[in-house]
Amino acid sequence: MRWRNLEDAYPLAAERPCLPLWGTKEVIAHISDKMLTSQLRELEADGFISRKVYAVVPPKTEYSITEKGKTTIPIINTIRDYGIELMAQEGLNVEKY
């Protein structure tokens, strides 16, 4: 599995069991639609998220974290905390993290 910027999405995943595609885009604003779709499909194929498509107009798709995905949360938290610590050491503003 390639590295993905999951730490950006984690806070929202922890708060909501399901997330629509546009909600994911709100959390990771700097990602293109094509890259977001590609990353979500890879995460789904790897079993970290599940996707539910509704047959409505306009199309509606929701993503939710799986049990396998939930097992990565402590690891993601550790990496995030370490990054915040490094940023603080460099004198960067870490208040929003």
Protein backbone atom coordinates (compact mmCIF):
# COMPACT_ATOMS: atom_id res chain seq x y z
CA MET A 1 0.00 0.00 0.00
CA ARG A 2 1.33 3.42 -0.89
CA TRP A 3 1.38 6.29 1.59
CA ARG A 4 -1.75 8.38 1.61
CA ASN A 5 -2.57 11.61 3.38
CA LEU A 6 -5.00 9.92 5.76
CA GLU A 7 -4.09 12.03 8.73
CA ASP A 8 -6.01 14.89 7.07
CA ALA A 9 -9.14 12.77 6.88
CA TYR A 10 -8.86 11.07 10.28
CA PRO A 11 -10.56 13.72 12.47
CA LEU A 12 -13.67 13.61 10.30
CA ALA A 13 -13.64 9.81 10.10
CA ALA A 14 -13.51 9.64 13.87
CA GLU A 15 -16.51 11.96 14.20
CA ARG A 16 -18.76 10.50 11.47
CA PRO A 17 -19.29 6.87 10.52
CA CYS A 18 -20.16 7.79 6.89
CA LEU A 19 -18.77 10.57 4.76
CA PRO A 20 -20.06 11.73 1.38
CA LEU A 21 -17.51 12.37 -1.36
CA TRP A 22 -17.95 16.13 -1.08
CA GLY A 23 -17.29 15.88 2.67
CA THR A 24 -14.01 14.18 1.96
CA LYS A 25 -13.15 17.00 -0.44
CA GLU A 26 -13.78 19.55 2.35
CA VAL A 27 -11.22 17.87 4.59
CA ILE A 28 -8.55 17.42 1.91
CA ALA A 29 -9.10 20.63 -0.05
CA HIS A 30 -5.75 20.55 -1.86
CA ILE A 31 -6.47 17.28 -3.71
CA SER A 32 -7.85 17.08 -7.25
CA ASP A 33 -11.09 15.18 -7.89
CA LYS A 34 -9.21 12.61 -9.98
CA MET A 35 -6.59 11.98 -7.27
CA LEU A 36 -9.24 11.82 -4.53
CA THR A 37 -11.23 9.24 -6.46
CA SER A 38 -8.09 7.23 -7.18
CA GLN A 39 -7.00 7.24 -3.53
CA LEU A 40 -10.47 6.31 -2.27
CA ARG A 41 -10.67 3.41 -4.73
CA GLU A 42 -7.26 2.15 -3.55
CA LEU A 43 -8.29 2.41 0.10
CA GLU A 44 -11.48 0.52 -0.74
CA ALA A 45 -9.55 -2.18 -2.61
CA ASP A 46 -7.20 -2.52 0.38
CA GLY A 47 -10.18 -2.89 2.74
CA PHE A 48 -9.64 0.31 4.75
CA ILE A 49 -12.89 1.99 3.67
CA SER A 50 -16.18 0.87 2.22
CA ARG A 51 -18.19 2.64 -0.46
CA LYS A 52 -21.94 2.78 -0.83
CA VAL A 53 -23.43 4.14 -4.06
CA TYR A 54 -27.05 5.30 -4.13
CA ALA A 55 -29.01 5.11 -7.39
CA VAL A 56 -30.33 8.67 -7.28
CA VAL A 57 -30.00 11.76 -9.44
CA PRO A 58 -27.55 13.35 -8.95
CA PRO A 59 -25.45 10.32 -8.00
CA LYS A 60 -24.66 9.96 -4.31
CA THR A 61 -21.72 8.04 -2.86
CA GLU A 62 -20.82 7.61 0.82
CA TYR A 63 -17.59 6.28 2.29
CA SER A 64 -17.12 4.76 5.72
CA ILE A 65 -14.13 3.44 7.59
CA THR A 66 -14.01 -0.33 8.05
CA GLU A 67 -12.87 -2.24 11.10
CA LYS A 68 -9.54 -2.78 9.35
CA GLY A 69 -9.33 0.97 8.75
CA LYS A 70 -10.06 1.71 12.39
CA THR A 71 -7.01 -0.32 13.39
CA THR A 72 -4.82 2.29 11.67
CA ILE A 73 -6.10 5.20 13.78
CA PRO A 74 -3.56 4.79 16.63
CA ILE A 75 -0.72 4.65 14.10
CA ILE A 76 -2.00 7.73 12.29
CA ASN A 77 -2.36 9.57 15.62
CA THR A 78 1.23 8.74 16.55
CA ILE A 79 2.56 9.98 13.20
CA ARG A 80 0.41 13.14 13.43
CA ASP A 81 1.57 13.86 17.00
CA TYR A 82 5.20 13.40 15.97
CA GLY A 83 4.72 15.79 13.04
CA ILE A 84 3.14 18.39 15.34
CA GLU A 85 6.04 18.01 17.74
CA LEU A 86 8.55 18.57 14.92
CA MET A 87 6.63 21.61 13.71
CA ALA A 88 6.63 23.09 17.21
CA GLN A 89 10.40 22.53 17.46
CA GLU A 90 10.80 24.48 14.23
CA GLY A 91 8.71 27.33 15.65
CA LEU A 92 5.74 26.74 13.36
CA ASN A 93 2.20 27.47 14.49
CA VAL A 94 0.57 24.21 15.58
CA GLU A 95 -2.60 25.62 17.17
CA LYS A 96 -4.94 24.35 14.44
CA TYR A 97 -3.60 20.79 14.78
